[in-house]
Amino acid sequence: MRMTPLDVQSHHFARRLRGYDPDEVDAFLRIVSEDYEGLVRETESQADRIRRLERRIDELSAQEDLLKETLVSAQAMTEQLRTTAERECELRLAEVEIRAEKILDASHRRAARLAQDIREMRALRSRLAEALRSAAETHIALLETLESDPEQDPHVDGLVEGTVAYLKGDKRRGAEPRRAAAE
């Protein structure tokens, strides 16, 4: 059983012969009781302080746990944002590469078309030059025929008609006057 300061102060000793001086014992018990009471109050105060500190430690531990969770969450979110940004960057880069490839393909197709157009124009120029050369030869032949006596050459009318037809675009008939002139 635990003693209180009041137990110490109210405790009575049995008296015997030649015993202690009762006033001295009472004074001593009073001093012990007061000291004991001070120690009990101090112990209770320390116990209260310990309880408050333990509560504070619990609060701080909870805050620390929350901060750790927040930090882990922030790190995870940062990693997720970084991963998302990398993916988005890769997607945009892929889109840009695809667009660039399409532009390059379109440029190659256009260059091929232009090259084909140039070849066709050169071929057309060659055909036109040949047609002009042929027409000029036909005209020269016609002029030579006209300079001679038209009455002597029965083919002059056919040659003139063939030349006119050739100049109008009928190549088949235009070839006839040349053949006729060559005969």
C-alpha atoms as a PDB file:
ATOM      1  CA  MET A   1       0.000   0.000   0.000  1.00  0.00           C
ATOM      2  CA  ARG A   2       1.230   3.411  -0.939  1.00  0.00           C
ATOM      3  CA  MET A   3       1.513   6.068   1.763  1.00  0.00           C
ATOM      4  CA  THR A   4       0.347   9.603   1.300  1.00  0.00           C
ATOM      5  CA  PRO A   5       1.805  12.657   3.031  1.00  0.00           C
ATOM      6  CA  LEU A   6      -1.266  12.718   5.247  1.00  0.00           C
ATOM      7  CA  ASP A   7      -0.562   9.102   6.312  1.00  0.00           C
ATOM      8  CA  VAL A   8       2.955  10.119   7.275  1.00  0.00           C
ATOM      9  CA  GLN A   9       1.758  13.145   9.219  1.00  0.00           C
ATOM     10  CA  SER A  10      -1.033  11.362  11.061  1.00  0.00           C
ATOM     11  CA  HIS A  11       0.938   8.246  11.891  1.00  0.00           C
ATOM     12  CA  HIS A  12       1.313   7.661  15.627  1.00  0.00           C
ATOM     13  CA  PHE A  13       4.069   5.647  17.147  1.00  0.00           C
ATOM     14  CA  ALA A  14       3.565   3.507  20.183  1.00  0.00           C
ATOM     15  CA  ARG A  15       5.160   4.870  23.353  1.00  0.00           C
ATOM     16  CA  ARG A  16       7.462   2.978  25.579  1.00  0.00           C
ATOM     17  CA  LEU A  17       9.614   3.697  28.347  1.00  0.00           C
ATOM     18  CA  ARG A  18      12.507   5.743  27.441  1.00  0.00           C
ATOM     19  CA  GLY A  19      10.985   6.344  23.994  1.00  0.00           C
ATOM     20  CA  TYR A  20      11.430   9.219  21.603  1.00  0.00           C
ATOM     21  CA  ASP A  21      10.444  12.742  22.363  1.00  0.00           C
ATOM     22  CA  PRO A  22       6.913  13.052  20.944  1.00  0.00           C
ATOM     23  CA  ASP A  23       7.393  16.714  19.898  1.00  0.00           C
ATOM     24  CA  GLU A  24      10.581  15.910  18.057  1.00  0.00           C
ATOM     25  CA  VAL A  25       8.957  12.932  16.306  1.00  0.00           C
ATOM     26  CA  ASP A  26       5.941  15.069  15.349  1.00  0.00           C
ATOM     27  CA  ALA A  27       8.224  17.822  13.978  1.00  0.00           C
ATOM     28  CA  PHE A  28      10.211  15.264  12.015  1.00  0.00           C
ATOM     29  CA  LEU A  29       7.050  13.655  10.647  1.00  0.00           C
ATOM     30  CA  ARG A  30       5.773  17.076   9.606  1.00  0.00           C
ATOM     31  CA  ILE A  31       9.007  17.789   7.698  1.00  0.00           C
ATOM     32  CA  VAL A  32       8.982  14.340   6.064  1.00  0.00           C
ATOM     33  CA  SER A  33       5.294  14.765   5.222  1.00  0.00           C
ATOM     34  CA  GLU A  34       5.883  18.162   3.593  1.00  0.00           C
ATOM     35  CA  ASP A  35       8.893  16.891   1.633  1.00  0.00           C
ATOM     36  CA  TYR A  36       6.977  13.800   0.611  1.00  0.00           C
ATOM     37  CA  GLU A  37       4.010  15.932  -0.455  1.00  0.00           C
ATOM     38  CA  GLY A  38       6.346  18.103  -2.558  1.00  0.00           C
ATOM     39  CA  LEU A  39       7.825  15.011  -4.155  1.00  0.00           C
ATOM     40  CA  VAL A  40       4.361  13.620  -4.895  1.00  0.00           C
ATOM     41  CA  ARG A  41       3.306  16.941  -6.486  1.00  0.00           C
ATOM     42  CA  GLU A  42       6.517  17.062  -8.488  1.00  0.00           C
ATOM     43  CA  THR A  43       6.035  13.450  -9.588  1.00  0.00           C
ATOM     44  CA  GLU A  44       2.452  14.191 -10.659  1.00  0.00           C
ATOM     45  CA  SER A  45       3.642  17.318 -12.450  1.00  0.00           C
ATOM     46  CA  GLN A  46       6.360  15.302 -14.206  1.00  0.00           C
ATOM     47  CA  ALA A  47       3.824  12.598 -15.061  1.00  0.00           C
ATOM     48  CA  ASP A  48       1.526  15.279 -16.567  1.00  0.00           C
ATOM     49  CA  ARG A  49       4.449  16.716 -18.462  1.00  0.00           C
ATOM     50  CA  ILE A  50       5.412  13.238 -19.687  1.00  0.00           C
ATOM     51  CA  ARG A  51       1.822  12.615 -20.824  1.00  0.00           C
ATOM     52  CA  ARG A  52       1.758  15.959 -22.654  1.00  0.00           C
ATOM     53  CA  LEU A  53       5.126  15.239 -24.257  1.00  0.00           C
ATOM     54  CA  GLU A  54       3.985  11.744 -25.240  1.00  0.00           C
ATOM     55  CA  ARG A  55       0.861  13.255 -26.832  1.00  0.00           C
ATOM     56  CA  ARG A  56       3.062  15.784 -28.616  1.00  0.00           C
ATOM     57  CA  ILE A  57       5.368  12.970 -29.749  1.00  0.00           C
ATOM     58  CA  ASP A  58       2.323  11.078 -31.026  1.00  0.00           C
ATOM     59  CA  GLU A  59       1.136  14.213 -32.857  1.00  0.00           C
ATOM     60  CA  LEU A  60       4.591  14.798 -34.315  1.00  0.00           C
ATOM     61  CA  SER A  61       4.847  11.131 -35.288  1.00  0.00           C
ATOM     62  CA  ALA A  62       1.488  11.399 -37.022  1.00  0.00           C
ATOM     63  CA  GLN A  63       2.670  14.564 -38.782  1.00  0.00           C
ATOM     64  CA  GLU A  64       5.921  12.841 -39.713  1.00  0.00           C
ATOM     65  CA  ASP A  65       3.975   9.892 -41.128  1.00  0.00           C
ATOM     66  CA  LEU A  66       1.742  12.312 -43.021  1.00  0.00           C
ATOM     67  CA  LEU A  67       4.792  14.167 -44.346  1.00  0.00           C
ATOM     68  CA  LYS A  68       6.384  10.881 -45.390  1.00  0.00           C
ATOM     69  CA  GLU A  69       3.184   9.857 -47.158  1.00  0.00           C
ATOM     70  CA  THR A  70       2.984  13.289 -48.771  1.00  0.00           C
ATOM     71  CA  LEU A  71       6.613  13.055 -49.862  1.00  0.00           C
ATOM     72  CA  VAL A  72       6.108   9.565 -51.281  1.00  0.00           C
ATOM     73  CA  SER A  73       2.937  10.759 -53.004  1.00  0.00           C
ATOM     74  CA  ALA A  74       4.729  13.836 -54.372  1.00  0.00           C
ATOM     75  CA  GLN A  75       7.596  11.676 -55.615  1.00  0.00           C
ATOM     76  CA  ALA A  76       5.157   9.276 -57.258  1.00  0.00           C
ATOM     77  CA  MET A  77       3.277  12.195 -58.803  1.00  0.00           C
ATOM     78  CA  THR A  78       6.544  13.732 -60.001  1.00  0.00           C
ATOM     79  CA  GLU A  79       7.564  10.420 -61.538  1.00  0.00           C
ATOM     80  CA  GLN A  80       4.141  10.068 -63.134  1.00  0.00           C
ATOM     81  CA  LEU A  81       4.317  13.635 -64.509  1.00  0.00           C
ATOM     82  CA  ARG A  82       7.826  12.988 -65.827  1.00  0.00           C
ATOM     83  CA  THR A  83       6.711   9.737 -67.453  1.00  0.00           C
ATOM     84  CA  THR A  84       3.641  11.437 -68.919  1.00  0.00           C
ATOM     85  CA  ALA A  85       5.757  14.323 -70.206  1.00  0.00           C
ATOM     86  CA  GLU A  86       8.233  11.879 -71.767  1.00  0.00           C
ATOM     87  CA  ARG A  87       5.410   9.941 -73.418  1.00  0.00           C
ATOM     88  CA  GLU A  88       3.813  13.151 -74.672  1.00  0.00           C
ATOM     89  CA  CYS A  89       7.182  14.335 -75.973  1.00  0.00           C
ATOM     90  CA  GLU A  90       7.745  10.999 -77.726  1.00  0.00           C
ATOM     91  CA  LEU A  91       4.251  11.161 -79.259  1.00  0.00           C
ATOM     92  CA  ARG A  92       4.774  14.719 -80.480  1.00  0.00           C
ATOM     93  CA  LEU A  93       8.177  13.799 -81.854  1.00  0.00           C
ATOM     94  CA  ALA A  94       6.641  10.809 -83.639  1.00  0.00           C
ATOM     95  CA  GLU A  95       3.888  13.058 -85.050  1.00  0.00           C
ATOM     96  CA  VAL A  96       6.476  15.570 -86.229  1.00  0.00           C
ATOM     97  CA  GLU A  97       8.532  12.783 -87.815  1.00  0.00           C
ATOM     98  CA  ILE A  98       5.426  11.420 -89.554  1.00  0.00           C
ATOM     99  CA  ARG A  99       4.511  14.902 -90.793  1.00  0.00           C
ATOM    100  CA  ALA A 100       8.079  15.483 -91.962  1.00  0.00           C
ATOM    101  CA  GLU A 101       8.057  12.126 -93.749  1.00  0.00           C
ATOM    102  CA  LYS A 102       4.741  12.982 -95.434  1.00  0.00           C
ATOM    103  CA  ILE A 103       6.116  16.371 -96.495  1.00  0.00           C
ATOM    104  CA  LEU A 104       9.266  14.694 -97.806  1.00  0.00           C
ATOM    105  CA  ASP A 105       7.210  12.067 -99.678  1.00  0.00           C
ATOM    106  CA  ALA A 106       4.994  14.797-101.139  1.00  0.00           C
ATOM    107  CA  SER A 107       8.107  16.723-102.183  1.00  0.00           C
ATOM    108  CA  HIS A 108       9.549  13.611-103.836  1.00  0.00           C
ATOM    109  CA  ARG A 109       6.260  12.958-105.642  1.00  0.00           C
ATOM    110  CA  ARG A 110       6.087  16.584-106.773  1.00  0.00           C
ATOM    111  CA  ALA A 111       9.715  16.475-107.917  1.00  0.00           C
ATOM    112  CA  ALA A 112       8.966  13.255-109.832  1.00  0.00           C
ATOM    113  CA  ARG A 113       5.884  14.884-111.409  1.00  0.00           C
ATOM    114  CA  LEU A 114       7.921  17.949-112.344  1.00  0.00           C
ATOM    115  CA  ALA A 115      10.654  15.746-113.822  1.00  0.00           C
ATOM    116  CA  GLN A 116       8.006  13.841-115.791  1.00  0.00           C
ATOM    117  CA  ASP A 117       6.476  17.145-116.945  1.00  0.00           C
ATOM    118  CA  ILE A 118       9.928  18.321-118.040  1.00  0.00           C
ATOM    119  CA  ARG A 119      10.502  15.071-119.962  1.00  0.00           C
ATOM    120  CA  GLU A 120       7.076  15.397-121.590  1.00  0.00           C
ATOM    121  CA  MET A 121       7.757  19.036-122.486  1.00  0.00           C
ATOM    122  CA  ARG A 122      11.127  18.096-123.999  1.00  0.00           C
ATOM    123  CA  ALA A 123       9.472  15.318-125.970  1.00  0.00           C
ATOM    124  CA  LEU A 124       6.752  17.745-127.057  1.00  0.00           C
ATOM    125  CA  ARG A 125       9.423  20.267-128.034  1.00  0.00           C
ATOM    126  CA  SER A 126      11.189  17.582-130.073  1.00  0.00           C
ATOM    127  CA  ARG A 127       7.938  16.568-131.775  1.00  0.00           C
ATOM    128  CA  LEU A 128       7.066  20.205-132.393  1.00  0.00           C
ATOM    129  CA  ALA A 129      10.541  20.893-133.799  1.00  0.00           C
ATOM    130  CA  GLU A 130      10.204  17.820-136.017  1.00  0.00           C
ATOM    131  CA  ALA A 131       6.736  18.942-137.104  1.00  0.00           C
ATOM    132  CA  LEU A 132       8.031  22.440-137.854  1.00  0.00           C
ATOM    133  CA  ARG A 133      11.030  20.968-139.706  1.00  0.00           C
ATOM    134  CA  SER A 134       8.682  18.739-141.694  1.00  0.00           C
ATOM    135  CA  ALA A 135       6.348  21.652-142.392  1.00  0.00           C
ATOM    136  CA  ALA A 136       9.299  23.792-143.450  1.00  0.00           C
ATOM    137  CA  GLU A 137      10.549  21.038-145.752  1.00  0.00           C
ATOM    138  CA  THR A 138       7.061  20.684-147.173  1.00  0.00           C
ATOM    139  CA  HIS A 139       6.839  24.430-147.720  1.00  0.00           C
ATOM    140  CA  ILE A 140      10.254  24.460-149.351  1.00  0.00           C
ATOM    141  CA  ALA A 141       9.162  21.631-151.605  1.00  0.00           C
ATOM    142  CA  LEU A 142       5.959  23.507-152.343  1.00  0.00           C
ATOM    143  CA  LEU A 143       7.870  26.680-153.111  1.00  0.00           C
ATOM    144  CA  GLU A 144      10.177  24.783-155.435  1.00  0.00           C
ATOM    145  CA  THR A 145       7.178  23.292-157.138  1.00  0.00           C
ATOM    146  CA  LEU A 146       5.464  26.650-157.406  1.00  0.00           C
ATOM    147  CA  GLU A 147       8.570  28.217-158.879  1.00  0.00           C
ATOM    148  CA  SER A 148       8.474  25.684-161.610  1.00  0.00           C
ATOM    149  CA  ASP A 149       5.642  25.801-164.059  1.00  0.00           C
ATOM    150  CA  PRO A 150       2.514  24.827-162.163  1.00  0.00           C
ATOM    151  CA  GLU A 151       0.914  23.581-165.337  1.00  0.00           C
ATOM    152  CA  GLN A 152       3.661  21.022-165.857  1.00  0.00           C
ATOM    153  CA  ASP A 153       3.235  19.320-162.410  1.00  0.00           C
ATOM    154  CA  PRO A 154      -0.165  17.644-161.884  1.00  0.00           C
ATOM    155  CA  HIS A 155       0.557  17.013-158.196  1.00  0.00           C
ATOM    156  CA  VAL A 156       0.696  20.646-157.142  1.00  0.00           C
ATOM    157  CA  ASP A 157      -2.987  20.833-156.218  1.00  0.00           C
ATOM    158  CA  GLY A 158      -2.704  17.677-154.113  1.00  0.00           C
ATOM    159  CA  LEU A 159       0.444  18.960-152.437  1.00  0.00           C
ATOM    160  CA  VAL A 160      -1.202  22.274-151.557  1.00  0.00           C
ATOM    161  CA  GLU A 161      -4.270  20.538-150.157  1.00  0.00           C
ATOM    162  CA  GLY A 162      -2.089  18.147-148.138  1.00  0.00           C
ATOM    163  CA  THR A 163      -0.047  21.008-146.706  1.00  0.00           C
ATOM    164  CA  VAL A 164      -3.149  22.936-145.719  1.00  0.00           C
ATOM    165  CA  ALA A 165      -4.609  19.828-144.092  1.00  0.00           C
ATOM    166  CA  TYR A 166      -1.337  19.161-142.285  1.00  0.00           C
ATOM    167  CA  LEU A 167      -1.201  22.680-140.956  1.00  0.00           C
ATOM    168  CA  LYS A 168      -4.772  22.325-139.742  1.00  0.00           C
ATOM    169  CA  GLY A 169      -3.764  19.232-137.784  1.00  0.00           C
ATOM    170  CA  ASP A 170      -4.550  16.271-140.017  1.00  0.00           C
ATOM    171  CA  LYS A 171      -1.144  14.593-139.941  1.00  0.00           C
ATOM    172  CA  ARG A 172      -2.218  11.662-142.084  1.00  0.00           C
ATOM    173  CA  ARG A 173      -3.086  13.859-145.009  1.00  0.00           C
ATOM    174  CA  GLY A 174      -0.030  16.036-144.307  1.00  0.00           C
ATOM    175  CA  ALA A 175       2.262  13.114-144.884  1.00  0.00           C
ATOM    176  CA  GLU A 176       0.743  12.550-148.343  1.00  0.00           C
ATOM    177  CA  PRO A 177       1.970  15.819-149.835  1.00  0.00           C
ATOM    178  CA  ARG A 178       5.487  15.064-148.658  1.00  0.00           C
ATOM    179  CA  ARG A 179       5.355  11.661-150.257  1.00  0.00           C
ATOM    180  CA  ALA A 180       3.843  13.138-153.355  1.00  0.00           C
ATOM    181  CA  ALA A 181       6.541  15.790-153.446  1.00  0.00           C
ATOM    182  CA  ALA A 182       9.215  13.173-153.000  1.00  0.00           C
ATOM    183  CA  GLU A 183       7.890  11.223-156.038  1.00  0.00           C
END
